[in-house]
Amino acid sequence: MGVLVLIALFLVNIFYGTVSIPVSAVMDIFLGRTVEPSAWSYIILQSRLPQAVTALLAGSALAVSGLMLQTLFRNPLAGPDILGVSSGANLGVAIVFLAVGGSLGSGLPVVAAAFIGALLVLSLILYFSTKIQSNVLILIIGLMVGYLASSGIAFMNAWAASDRIRSYILWGLGSFSSVSMAQLPLFSICIVLGLAFSVLLIKPLNLLLLGERYAANLGINIFRTRLFILLITGFLTATVTAYCGPVAFIGLAVPHVTRMLLGESNQQKLLPAVGITGGAIALICNLLTCLPFGHNLLPLNAVTPLLGAPVVLYVVLNRNNRSYFH
């Protein structure tokens, strides 16, 4: 059922947008026929198609990353943005944009900078998690790291050229349309590889739900498992952030939505379902950026809080949210 909904949302993203294109014309374009005006072919094949694929993959990547971080830290409020991971990636990308003068067209340097920034923050959070038992304190540390990263970005903004600042601000608003058809293969390969490796962690993630000591007694190498989780979540978050900007709330909210729908925490079922739900939510958010407002586009990060914030508030107010990790 979830896959059918995902396919339907993907098709809606192809057929509908700020420019009204008849369904028959869209079908002709995919069949290789010539349509008039010719700009319709460009809109469908070079804009809507890569945008829909990007939304699907980015939503899945962020949602799976959020699930793995919540399981690792046994904290319902853990996520790429709350724990400062996205802020670390932002700082890496800001260095490329503001200090070096790069752009999204530079591809690998932007992804590498975002990955290094995200990995540094994740490593720092993991270090503190071995020293501090309180989940609330870990979240506070993550938020403080995010503030430090924001401070560093502000300093770079103070000395950067105006055109670089404008490019960085536009990138920071978030958008699934920033991945062109030429960039889509690299983006897709990175996300698919990260998701494939996350599937290999299903068994260790299930054992971590029972506690690290119990998992270690069953032969799980806790240090290596933590390292793999950090590497995969850092890579997925960094890739999405580098190309789409800092997309908020999807990584934090979608795992909880999926848990409520399934009513269980078995990672063998939960992880694939979270990936599907994340892709579906991202496609819905992509539609909401344009459909209700005609030719005016909303920034992506103006839409994601509308869906994510109520879920987070529910989790905070729900006294039974700890049962998700039992």
C-alpha atoms as a PDB file:
ATOM      1  CA  MET A   1       0.000   0.000   0.000  1.00  0.00           C
ATOM      2  CA  GLY A   2       2.776   2.406   0.933  1.00  0.00           C
ATOM      3  CA  VAL A   3       4.561   1.753  -2.363  1.00  0.00           C
ATOM      4  CA  LEU A   4       1.382   2.499  -4.333  1.00  0.00           C
ATOM      5  CA  VAL A   5       0.916   5.790  -2.489  1.00  0.00           C
ATOM      6  CA  LEU A   6       4.564   6.646  -3.177  1.00  0.00           C
ATOM      7  CA  ILE A   7       4.146   5.934  -6.901  1.00  0.00           C
ATOM      8  CA  ALA A   8       0.948   8.008  -7.024  1.00  0.00           C
ATOM      9  CA  LEU A   9       2.647  10.986  -5.337  1.00  0.00           C
ATOM     10  CA  PHE A  10       5.614  10.673  -7.686  1.00  0.00           C
ATOM     11  CA  LEU A  11       3.296  10.813 -10.714  1.00  0.00           C
ATOM     12  CA  VAL A  12       1.407  13.785  -9.279  1.00  0.00           C
ATOM     13  CA  ASN A  13       4.738  15.620  -8.962  1.00  0.00           C
ATOM     14  CA  ILE A  14       5.394  14.908 -12.649  1.00  0.00           C
ATOM     15  CA  PHE A  15       1.973  15.896 -13.964  1.00  0.00           C
ATOM     16  CA  TYR A  16       1.346  18.999 -11.839  1.00  0.00           C
ATOM     17  CA  GLY A  17       3.335  22.150 -11.152  1.00  0.00           C
ATOM     18  CA  THR A  18       3.369  25.911 -11.537  1.00  0.00           C
ATOM     19  CA  VAL A  19       2.976  25.545 -15.315  1.00  0.00           C
ATOM     20  CA  SER A  20      -0.228  23.818 -16.443  1.00  0.00           C
ATOM     21  CA  ILE A  21       0.602  21.035 -18.902  1.00  0.00           C
ATOM     22  CA  PRO A  22      -2.113  18.661 -20.202  1.00  0.00           C
ATOM     23  CA  VAL A  23      -1.841  15.038 -19.105  1.00  0.00           C
ATOM     24  CA  SER A  24      -1.887  13.917 -22.746  1.00  0.00           C
ATOM     25  CA  ALA A  25       1.093  16.172 -23.499  1.00  0.00           C
ATOM     26  CA  VAL A  26       3.030  14.719 -20.553  1.00  0.00           C
ATOM     27  CA  MET A  27       2.340  11.206 -21.823  1.00  0.00           C
ATOM     28  CA  ASP A  28       3.497  12.188 -25.319  1.00  0.00           C
ATOM     29  CA  ILE A  29       6.725  13.607 -23.890  1.00  0.00           C
ATOM     30  CA  PHE A  30       7.557  10.341 -22.134  1.00  0.00           C
ATOM     31  CA  LEU A  31       6.704   8.422 -25.295  1.00  0.00           C
ATOM     32  CA  GLY A  32       9.231  10.512 -27.221  1.00  0.00           C
ATOM     33  CA  ARG A  33       6.720  12.431 -29.304  1.00  0.00           C
ATOM     34  CA  THR A  34       7.070  16.090 -30.226  1.00  0.00           C
ATOM     35  CA  VAL A  35       4.786  18.480 -28.346  1.00  0.00           C
ATOM     36  CA  GLU A  36       4.105  22.191 -28.662  1.00  0.00           C
ATOM     37  CA  PRO A  37       5.245  24.385 -27.099  1.00  0.00           C
ATOM     38  CA  SER A  38       8.653  22.727 -26.939  1.00  0.00           C
ATOM     39  CA  ALA A  39       9.281  24.283 -23.527  1.00  0.00           C
ATOM     40  CA  TRP A  40       6.923  21.676 -22.057  1.00  0.00           C
ATOM     41  CA  SER A  41       9.407  18.917 -22.829  1.00  0.00           C
ATOM     42  CA  TYR A  42      12.144  20.811 -21.012  1.00  0.00           C
ATOM     43  CA  ILE A  43       9.890  21.424 -17.977  1.00  0.00           C
ATOM     44  CA  ILE A  44       8.943  17.747 -17.677  1.00  0.00           C
ATOM     45  CA  LEU A  45      12.275  16.081 -18.438  1.00  0.00           C
ATOM     46  CA  GLN A  46      14.739  18.640 -17.086  1.00  0.00           C
ATOM     47  CA  SER A  47      12.784  20.084 -14.163  1.00  0.00           C
ATOM     48  CA  ARG A  48       9.894  18.022 -12.795  1.00  0.00           C
ATOM     49  CA  LEU A  49      11.410  14.567 -13.320  1.00  0.00           C
ATOM     50  CA  PRO A  50      14.750  15.216 -11.556  1.00  0.00           C
ATOM     51  CA  GLN A  51      12.925  17.233  -8.897  1.00  0.00           C
ATOM     52  CA  ALA A  52      10.574  14.331  -8.111  1.00  0.00           C
ATOM     53  CA  VAL A  53      13.414  11.800  -8.027  1.00  0.00           C
ATOM     54  CA  THR A  54      15.424  14.113  -5.778  1.00  0.00           C
ATOM     55  CA  ALA A  55      12.510  14.577  -3.362  1.00  0.00           C
ATOM     56  CA  LEU A  56      11.896  10.841  -3.166  1.00  0.00           C
ATOM     57  CA  LEU A  57      15.546   9.956  -2.507  1.00  0.00           C
ATOM     58  CA  ALA A  58      16.249  12.896  -0.186  1.00  0.00           C
ATOM     59  CA  GLY A  59      13.161  12.203   1.924  1.00  0.00           C
ATOM     60  CA  SER A  60      14.071   8.530   2.246  1.00  0.00           C
ATOM     61  CA  ALA A  61      17.677   9.348   3.149  1.00  0.00           C
ATOM     62  CA  LEU A  62      16.792  11.870   5.850  1.00  0.00           C
ATOM     63  CA  ALA A  63      14.078   9.660   7.350  1.00  0.00           C
ATOM     64  CA  VAL A  64      16.336   6.586   7.535  1.00  0.00           C
ATOM     65  CA  SER A  65      19.128   8.712   9.023  1.00  0.00           C
ATOM     66  CA  GLY A  66      16.743   9.977  11.687  1.00  0.00           C
ATOM     67  CA  LEU A  67      15.607   6.451  12.533  1.00  0.00           C
ATOM     68  CA  MET A  68      19.163   5.161  12.938  1.00  0.00           C
ATOM     69  CA  LEU A  69      20.190   8.111  15.118  1.00  0.00           C
ATOM     70  CA  GLN A  70      17.108   7.735  17.312  1.00  0.00           C
ATOM     71  CA  THR A  71      17.894   4.051  17.732  1.00  0.00           C
ATOM     72  CA  LEU A  72      21.583   4.630  18.413  1.00  0.00           C
ATOM     73  CA  PHE A  73      20.972   7.291  21.056  1.00  0.00           C
ATOM     74  CA  ARG A  74      17.705   5.711  22.261  1.00  0.00           C
ATOM     75  CA  ASN A  75      16.242   9.203  22.107  1.00  0.00           C
ATOM     76  CA  PRO A  76      12.953  10.083  20.356  1.00  0.00           C
ATOM     77  CA  LEU A  77      14.176  13.628  19.660  1.00  0.00           C
ATOM     78  CA  ALA A  78      17.415  12.627  17.966  1.00  0.00           C
ATOM     79  CA  GLY A  79      17.728  13.592  14.334  1.00  0.00           C
ATOM     80  CA  PRO A  80      20.143  15.089  11.806  1.00  0.00           C
ATOM     81  CA  ASP A  81      18.938  18.656  12.471  1.00  0.00           C
ATOM     82  CA  ILE A  82      18.365  18.486  16.256  1.00  0.00           C
ATOM     83  CA  LEU A  83      21.724  16.838  16.983  1.00  0.00           C
ATOM     84  CA  GLY A  84      23.602  19.440  14.961  1.00  0.00           C
ATOM     85  CA  VAL A  85      24.523  17.112  12.104  1.00  0.00           C
ATOM     86  CA  SER A  86      22.838  19.334   9.534  1.00  0.00           C
ATOM     87  CA  SER A  87      24.550  22.355  11.090  1.00  0.00           C
ATOM     88  CA  GLY A  88      27.924  20.692  10.623  1.00  0.00           C
ATOM     89  CA  ALA A  89      27.093  19.984   7.001  1.00  0.00           C
ATOM     90  CA  ASN A  90      25.906  23.591   6.627  1.00  0.00           C
ATOM     91  CA  LEU A  91      29.233  24.846   7.934  1.00  0.00           C
ATOM     92  CA  GLY A  92      31.139  22.685   5.468  1.00  0.00           C
ATOM     93  CA  VAL A  93      29.049  23.925   2.565  1.00  0.00           C
ATOM     94  CA  ALA A  94      29.325  27.521   3.814  1.00  0.00           C
ATOM     95  CA  ILE A  95      33.104  27.242   3.640  1.00  0.00           C
ATOM     96  CA  VAL A  96      32.815  26.194  -0.007  1.00  0.00           C
ATOM     97  CA  PHE A  97      30.261  28.887  -0.856  1.00  0.00           C
ATOM     98  CA  LEU A  98      31.527  31.836   1.185  1.00  0.00           C
ATOM     99  CA  ALA A  99      35.240  31.283   1.667  1.00  0.00           C
ATOM    100  CA  VAL A 100      36.197  29.409  -1.494  1.00  0.00           C
ATOM    101  CA  GLY A 101      33.490  30.739  -3.796  1.00  0.00           C
ATOM    102  CA  GLY A 102      32.174  27.408  -5.004  1.00  0.00           C
ATOM    103  CA  SER A 103      28.718  26.495  -6.238  1.00  0.00           C
ATOM    104  CA  LEU A 104      26.451  23.493  -6.498  1.00  0.00           C
ATOM    105  CA  GLY A 105      27.926  22.928  -9.906  1.00  0.00           C
ATOM    106  CA  SER A 106      31.199  21.968  -8.243  1.00  0.00           C
ATOM    107  CA  GLY A 107      29.535  18.706  -7.174  1.00  0.00           C
ATOM    108  CA  LEU A 108      32.016  16.527  -5.302  1.00  0.00           C
ATOM    109  CA  PRO A 109      33.802  19.331  -3.378  1.00  0.00           C
ATOM    110  CA  VAL A 110      30.458  20.487  -1.952  1.00  0.00           C
ATOM    111  CA  VAL A 111      29.447  16.946  -0.969  1.00  0.00           C
ATOM    112  CA  ALA A 112      32.878  16.277   0.539  1.00  0.00           C
ATOM    113  CA  ALA A 113      32.780  19.491   2.584  1.00  0.00           C
ATOM    114  CA  ALA A 114      29.265  18.730   3.845  1.00  0.00           C
ATOM    115  CA  PHE A 115      30.241  15.143   4.701  1.00  0.00           C
ATOM    116  CA  ILE A 116      33.311  16.236   6.665  1.00  0.00           C
ATOM    117  CA  GLY A 117      31.294  18.819   8.586  1.00  0.00           C
ATOM    118  CA  ALA A 118      28.515  16.341   9.386  1.00  0.00           C
ATOM    119  CA  LEU A 119      30.977  13.627  10.409  1.00  0.00           C
ATOM    120  CA  LEU A 120      32.872  15.957  12.747  1.00  0.00           C
ATOM    121  CA  VAL A 121      29.680  16.906  14.556  1.00  0.00           C
ATOM    122  CA  LEU A 122      28.507  13.292  14.760  1.00  0.00           C
ATOM    123  CA  SER A 123      31.859  12.202  16.166  1.00  0.00           C
ATOM    124  CA  LEU A 124      31.691  14.952  18.776  1.00  0.00           C
ATOM    125  CA  ILE A 125      28.160  13.951  19.779  1.00  0.00           C
ATOM    126  CA  LEU A 126      29.191  10.301  20.007  1.00  0.00           C
ATOM    127  CA  TYR A 127      32.139  11.205  22.241  1.00  0.00           C
ATOM    128  CA  PHE A 128      29.897  13.104  24.643  1.00  0.00           C
ATOM    129  CA  SER A 129      27.352  10.269  24.595  1.00  0.00           C
ATOM    130  CA  THR A 130      30.020   7.983  26.120  1.00  0.00           C
ATOM    131  CA  LYS A 131      30.620  10.496  28.912  1.00  0.00           C
ATOM    132  CA  ILE A 132      27.071  11.655  29.625  1.00  0.00           C
ATOM    133  CA  GLN A 133      24.128   9.385  30.359  1.00  0.00           C
ATOM    134  CA  SER A 134      21.358  11.984  30.106  1.00  0.00           C
ATOM    135  CA  ASN A 135      19.650  12.089  26.714  1.00  0.00           C
ATOM    136  CA  VAL A 136      18.475  15.645  27.408  1.00  0.00           C
ATOM    137  CA  LEU A 137      22.060  16.812  27.927  1.00  0.00           C
ATOM    138  CA  ILE A 138      23.119  15.133  24.675  1.00  0.00           C
ATOM    139  CA  LEU A 139      20.407  17.047  22.843  1.00  0.00           C
ATOM    140  CA  ILE A 140      21.513  20.306  24.489  1.00  0.00           C
ATOM    141  CA  ILE A 141      25.107  19.636  23.418  1.00  0.00           C
ATOM    142  CA  GLY A 142      23.900  19.006  19.865  1.00  0.00           C
ATOM    143  CA  LEU A 143      22.007  22.281  19.878  1.00  0.00           C
ATOM    144  CA  MET A 144      25.062  24.140  21.215  1.00  0.00           C
ATOM    145  CA  VAL A 145      27.230  22.639  18.486  1.00  0.00           C
ATOM    146  CA  GLY A 146      24.649  23.849  15.990  1.00  0.00           C
ATOM    147  CA  TYR A 147      24.843  27.357  17.439  1.00  0.00           C
ATOM    148  CA  LEU A 148      28.640  27.301  17.186  1.00  0.00           C
ATOM    149  CA  ALA A 149      28.398  26.265  13.543  1.00  0.00           C
ATOM    150  CA  SER A 150      25.887  29.058  12.910  1.00  0.00           C
ATOM    151  CA  SER A 151      28.278  31.512  14.556  1.00  0.00           C
ATOM    152  CA  GLY A 152      31.087  30.403  12.242  1.00  0.00           C
ATOM    153  CA  ILE A 153      28.802  30.863   9.239  1.00  0.00           C
ATOM    154  CA  ALA A 154      27.861  34.352  10.458  1.00  0.00           C
ATOM    155  CA  PHE A 155      31.545  35.333  10.659  1.00  0.00           C
ATOM    156  CA  MET A 156      32.110  34.126   7.099  1.00  0.00           C
ATOM    157  CA  ASN A 157      29.040  36.071   5.952  1.00  0.00           C
ATOM    158  CA  ALA A 158      30.550  39.230   7.411  1.00  0.00           C
ATOM    159  CA  TRP A 159      33.537  39.086   5.063  1.00  0.00           C
ATOM    160  CA  ALA A 160      32.112  37.287   2.029  1.00  0.00           C
ATOM    161  CA  ALA A 161      31.167  39.007  -1.206  1.00  0.00           C
ATOM    162  CA  SER A 162      27.486  39.876  -1.647  1.00  0.00           C
ATOM    163  CA  ASP A 163      26.986  37.482  -4.569  1.00  0.00           C
ATOM    164  CA  ARG A 164      28.375  34.583  -2.508  1.00  0.00           C
ATOM    165  CA  ILE A 165      26.115  35.490   0.421  1.00  0.00           C
ATOM    166  CA  ARG A 166      23.084  35.576  -1.854  1.00  0.00           C
ATOM    167  CA  SER A 167      23.918  32.138  -3.294  1.00  0.00           C
ATOM    168  CA  TYR A 168      24.336  30.686   0.167  1.00  0.00           C
ATOM    169  CA  ILE A 169      21.073  32.200   1.447  1.00  0.00           C
ATOM    170  CA  LEU A 170      19.138  30.799  -1.515  1.00  0.00           C
ATOM    171  CA  TRP A 171      20.706  27.401  -0.923  1.00  0.00           C
ATOM    172  CA  GLY A 172      19.788  27.579   2.780  1.00  0.00           C
ATOM    173  CA  LEU A 173      16.070  27.977   2.007  1.00  0.00           C
ATOM    174  CA  GLY A 174      16.025  24.367   0.815  1.00  0.00           C
ATOM    175  CA  SER A 175      14.820  23.069  -2.533  1.00  0.00           C
ATOM    176  CA  PHE A 176      14.502  19.762  -4.331  1.00  0.00           C
ATOM    177  CA  SER A 177      14.826  21.588  -7.657  1.00  0.00           C
ATOM    178  CA  SER A 178      18.534  22.342  -7.253  1.00  0.00           C
ATOM    179  CA  VAL A 179      19.609  18.918  -8.586  1.00  0.00           C
ATOM    180  CA  SER A 180      19.820  19.089 -12.370  1.00  0.00           C
ATOM    181  CA  MET A 181      19.483  16.116 -14.689  1.00  0.00           C
ATOM    182  CA  ALA A 182      23.279  16.161 -15.141  1.00  0.00           C
ATOM    183  CA  GLN A 183      23.824  16.019 -11.349  1.00  0.00           C
ATOM    184  CA  LEU A 184      21.077  13.475 -10.705  1.00  0.00           C
ATOM    185  CA  PRO A 185      23.150  10.309 -11.416  1.00  0.00           C
ATOM    186  CA  LEU A 186      25.814  11.196  -8.831  1.00  0.00           C
ATOM    187  CA  PHE A 187      23.185  12.262  -6.287  1.00  0.00           C
ATOM    188  CA  SER A 188      21.170   9.072  -6.842  1.00  0.00           C
ATOM    189  CA  ILE A 189      24.195   6.793  -6.584  1.00  0.00           C
ATOM    190  CA  CYS A 190      25.264   8.380  -3.291  1.00  0.00           C
ATOM    191  CA  ILE A 191      21.793   8.069  -1.748  1.00  0.00           C
ATOM    192  CA  VAL A 192      21.137   4.522  -2.990  1.00  0.00           C
ATOM    193  CA  LEU A 193      24.520   3.347  -1.698  1.00  0.00           C
ATOM    194  CA  GLY A 194      23.872   4.908   1.697  1.00  0.00           C
ATOM    195  CA  LEU A 195      20.408   3.349   1.932  1.00  0.00           C
ATOM    196  CA  ALA A 196      21.777  -0.046   0.845  1.00  0.00           C
ATOM    197  CA  PHE A 197      24.379   0.013   3.618  1.00  0.00           C
ATOM    198  CA  SER A 198      21.719   1.050   6.142  1.00  0.00           C
ATOM    199  CA  VAL A 199      19.796  -2.147   5.346  1.00  0.00           C
ATOM    200  CA  LEU A 200      22.858  -4.144   6.433  1.00  0.00           C
ATOM    201  CA  LEU A 201      22.510  -2.592   9.896  1.00  0.00           C
ATOM    202  CA  ILE A 202      18.972  -3.833  10.535  1.00  0.00           C
ATOM    203  CA  LYS A 203      20.072  -6.685  12.840  1.00  0.00           C
ATOM    204  CA  PRO A 204      22.477  -4.559  14.932  1.00  0.00           C
ATOM    205  CA  LEU A 205      19.821  -1.829  15.192  1.00  0.00           C
ATOM    206  CA  ASN A 206      17.289  -4.337  16.512  1.00  0.00           C
ATOM    207  CA  LEU A 207      19.772  -5.528  19.126  1.00  0.00           C
ATOM    208  CA  LEU A 208      20.592  -1.953  20.155  1.00  0.00           C
ATOM    209  CA  LEU A 209      16.928  -1.519  21.036  1.00  0.00           C
ATOM    210  CA  LEU A 210      17.521  -4.044  23.814  1.00  0.00           C
ATOM    211  CA  GLY A 211      20.477  -2.121  25.202  1.00  0.00           C
ATOM    212  CA  GLU A 212      24.160  -1.922  24.348  1.00  0.00           C
ATOM    213  CA  ARG A 213      25.195  -4.428  27.035  1.00  0.00           C
ATOM    214  CA  TYR A 214      22.718  -7.024  25.784  1.00  0.00           C
ATOM    215  CA  ALA A 215      23.785  -6.425  22.178  1.00  0.00           C
ATOM    216  CA  ALA A 216      27.449  -6.829  23.117  1.00  0.00           C
ATOM    217  CA  ASN A 217      26.684 -10.137  24.877  1.00  0.00           C
ATOM    218  CA  LEU A 218      25.167 -11.383  21.624  1.00  0.00           C
ATOM    219  CA  GLY A 219      28.387 -10.663  19.734  1.00  0.00           C
ATOM    220  CA  ILE A 220      27.688  -7.189  18.352  1.00  0.00           C
ATOM    221  CA  ASN A 221      30.746  -4.963  18.187  1.00  0.00           C
ATOM    222  CA  ILE A 222      29.269  -1.786  19.664  1.00  0.00           C
ATOM    223  CA  PHE A 223      32.099   0.523  18.620  1.00  0.00           C
ATOM    224  CA  ARG A 224      32.103  -0.693  15.027  1.00  0.00           C
ATOM    225  CA  THR A 225      28.300  -0.546  14.822  1.00  0.00           C
ATOM    226  CA  ARG A 226      28.286   3.008  16.134  1.00  0.00           C
ATOM    227  CA  LEU A 227      30.958   3.971  13.639  1.00  0.00           C
ATOM    228  CA  PHE A 228      29.028   2.489  10.710  1.00  0.00           C
ATOM    229  CA  ILE A 229      25.817   4.231  11.792  1.00  0.00           C
ATOM    230  CA  LEU A 230      27.619   7.547  12.081  1.00  0.00           C
ATOM    231  CA  LEU A 231      29.320   7.153   8.718  1.00  0.00           C
ATOM    232  CA  ILE A 232      26.111   6.218   6.920  1.00  0.00           C
ATOM    233  CA  THR A 233      23.937   8.891   8.537  1.00  0.00           C
ATOM    234  CA  GLY A 234      26.650  11.480   8.024  1.00  0.00           C
ATOM    235  CA  PHE A 235      27.049  10.550   4.373  1.00  0.00           C
ATOM    236  CA  LEU A 236      23.301  10.577   3.669  1.00  0.00           C
ATOM    237  CA  THR A 237      22.708  13.836   5.540  1.00  0.00           C
ATOM    238  CA  ALA A 238      25.706  15.491   3.927  1.00  0.00           C
ATOM    239  CA  THR A 239      24.660  14.475   0.417  1.00  0.00           C
ATOM    240  CA  VAL A 240      21.118  15.764   0.843  1.00  0.00           C
ATOM    241  CA  THR A 241      22.289  18.955   2.531  1.00  0.00           C
ATOM    242  CA  ALA A 242      24.914  19.669  -0.116  1.00  0.00           C
ATOM    243  CA  TYR A 243      22.449  19.475  -2.996  1.00  0.00           C
ATOM    244  CA  CYS A 244      19.102  20.423  -1.448  1.00  0.00           C
ATOM    245  CA  GLY A 245      20.060  22.668   1.450  1.00  0.00           C
ATOM    246  CA  PRO A 246      19.283  22.056   5.138  1.00  0.00           C
ATOM    247  CA  VAL A 247      15.907  20.285   4.920  1.00  0.00           C
ATOM    248  CA  ALA A 248      14.256  20.444   8.343  1.00  0.00           C
ATOM    249  CA  PHE A 249      12.003  18.056  10.280  1.00  0.00           C
ATOM    250  CA  ILE A 250      11.798  15.126   7.834  1.00  0.00           C
ATOM    251  CA  GLY A 251      14.576  13.177   9.556  1.00  0.00           C
ATOM    252  CA  LEU A 252      13.082  13.875  12.979  1.00  0.00           C
ATOM    253  CA  ALA A 253       9.353  13.438  12.379  1.00  0.00           C
ATOM    254  CA  VAL A 254       9.002  10.661   9.787  1.00  0.00           C
ATOM    255  CA  PRO A 255      10.314   7.791  12.004  1.00  0.00           C
ATOM    256  CA  HIS A 256       7.641   8.638  14.601  1.00  0.00           C
ATOM    257  CA  VAL A 257       4.892   8.833  11.990  1.00  0.00           C
ATOM    258  CA  THR A 258       5.910   5.424  10.662  1.00  0.00           C
ATOM    259  CA  ARG A 259       6.083   3.887  14.152  1.00  0.00           C
ATOM    260  CA  MET A 260       2.563   5.104  14.858  1.00  0.00           C
ATOM    261  CA  LEU A 261       1.303   3.673  11.565  1.00  0.00           C
ATOM    262  CA  LEU A 262       2.978   0.277  12.038  1.00  0.00           C
ATOM    263  CA  GLY A 263       2.650   0.029  15.807  1.00  0.00           C
ATOM    264  CA  GLU A 264       6.030  -1.661  16.256  1.00  0.00           C
ATOM    265  CA  SER A 265       9.776  -1.026  16.445  1.00  0.00           C
ATOM    266  CA  ASN A 266      11.098  -4.065  14.553  1.00  0.00           C
ATOM    267  CA  GLN A 267      13.733  -2.534  12.303  1.00  0.00           C
ATOM    268  CA  GLN A 268      13.283  -5.221   9.655  1.00  0.00           C
ATOM    269  CA  LYS A 269       9.865  -3.773   8.883  1.00  0.00           C
ATOM    270  CA  LEU A 270      10.353  -0.281  10.242  1.00  0.00           C
ATOM    271  CA  LEU A 271      13.462   0.791   8.324  1.00  0.00           C
ATOM    272  CA  PRO A 272      12.053   0.090   4.801  1.00  0.00           C
ATOM    273  CA  ALA A 273       8.720   1.618   5.829  1.00  0.00           C
ATOM    274  CA  VAL A 274      10.483   4.744   7.115  1.00  0.00           C
ATOM    275  CA  GLY A 275      12.275   5.079   3.775  1.00  0.00           C
ATOM    276  CA  ILE A 276       8.989   4.840   1.865  1.00  0.00           C
ATOM    277  CA  THR A 277       7.196   7.252   4.207  1.00  0.00           C
ATOM    278  CA  GLY A 278      10.093   9.717   4.055  1.00  0.00           C
ATOM    279  CA  GLY A 279       9.968   9.730   0.266  1.00  0.00           C
ATOM    280  CA  ALA A 280       6.194  10.215   0.326  1.00  0.00           C
ATOM    281  CA  ILE A 281       6.354  13.104   2.825  1.00  0.00           C
ATOM    282  CA  ALA A 282       9.085  14.799   0.796  1.00  0.00           C
ATOM    283  CA  LEU A 283       6.994  14.505  -2.376  1.00  0.00           C
ATOM    284  CA  ILE A 284       4.009  16.030  -0.541  1.00  0.00           C
ATOM    285  CA  CYS A 285       6.186  18.902   0.689  1.00  0.00           C
ATOM    286  CA  ASN A 286       7.481  19.442  -2.839  1.00  0.00           C
ATOM    287  CA  LEU A 287       3.890  19.731  -4.104  1.00  0.00           C
ATOM    288  CA  LEU A 288       2.951  22.160  -1.343  1.00  0.00           C
ATOM    289  CA  THR A 289       5.742  24.536  -2.344  1.00  0.00           C
ATOM    290  CA  CYS A 290       3.931  25.364  -5.578  1.00  0.00           C
ATOM    291  CA  LEU A 291       0.373  24.025  -5.930  1.00  0.00           C
ATOM    292  CA  PRO A 292      -1.546  26.213  -3.436  1.00  0.00           C
ATOM    293  CA  PHE A 293       0.054  29.431  -4.623  1.00  0.00           C
ATOM    294  CA  GLY A 294      -0.132  29.256  -8.408  1.00  0.00           C
ATOM    295  CA  HIS A 295       3.017  30.703  -9.933  1.00  0.00           C
ATOM    296  CA  ASN A 296       4.572  31.668  -6.579  1.00  0.00           C
ATOM    297  CA  LEU A 297       6.991  29.167  -5.064  1.00  0.00           C
ATOM    298  CA  LEU A 298       7.463  28.724  -1.334  1.00  0.00           C
ATOM    299  CA  PRO A 299      10.846  27.745   0.122  1.00  0.00           C
ATOM    300  CA  LEU A 300      10.941  24.083   1.082  1.00  0.00           C
ATOM    301  CA  ASN A 301      11.752  24.894   4.702  1.00  0.00           C
ATOM    302  CA  ALA A 302       8.574  26.971   4.928  1.00  0.00           C
ATOM    303  CA  VAL A 303       6.557  23.807   4.266  1.00  0.00           C
ATOM    304  CA  THR A 304       8.352  20.990   6.135  1.00  0.00           C
ATOM    305  CA  PRO A 305       7.674  22.483   9.616  1.00  0.00           C
ATOM    306  CA  LEU A 306       3.930  22.449   8.875  1.00  0.00           C
ATOM    307  CA  LEU A 307       4.071  18.648   8.706  1.00  0.00           C
ATOM    308  CA  GLY A 308       6.964  17.967  11.068  1.00  0.00           C
ATOM    309  CA  ALA A 309       6.438  20.338  13.977  1.00  0.00           C
ATOM    310  CA  PRO A 310       3.056  18.876  15.091  1.00  0.00           C
ATOM    311  CA  VAL A 311       4.602  15.385  15.138  1.00  0.00           C
ATOM    312  CA  VAL A 312       7.516  16.555  17.281  1.00  0.00           C
ATOM    313  CA  LEU A 313       5.134  18.309  19.693  1.00  0.00           C
ATOM    314  CA  TYR A 314       3.118  15.105  19.970  1.00  0.00           C
ATOM    315  CA  VAL A 315       6.247  13.102  20.766  1.00  0.00           C
ATOM    316  CA  VAL A 316       7.340  15.614  23.413  1.00  0.00           C
ATOM    317  CA  LEU A 317       3.918  15.652  25.072  1.00  0.00           C
ATOM    318  CA  ASN A 318       3.318  11.916  24.798  1.00  0.00           C
ATOM    319  CA  ARG A 319       4.474  10.262  28.009  1.00  0.00           C
ATOM    320  CA  ASN A 320       4.691   6.885  26.312  1.00  0.00           C
ATOM    321  CA  ASN A 321       7.199   7.902  23.635  1.00  0.00           C
ATOM    322  CA  ARG A 322       9.928   5.908  25.386  1.00  0.00           C
ATOM    323  CA  SER A 323       8.062   2.744  24.476  1.00  0.00           C
ATOM    324  CA  TYR A 324       9.244   3.269  20.902  1.00  0.00           C
ATOM    325  CA  PHE A 325      12.652   2.048  22.000  1.00  0.00           C
ATOM    326  CA  HIS A 326      11.572  -0.971  24.032  1.00  0.00           C
END
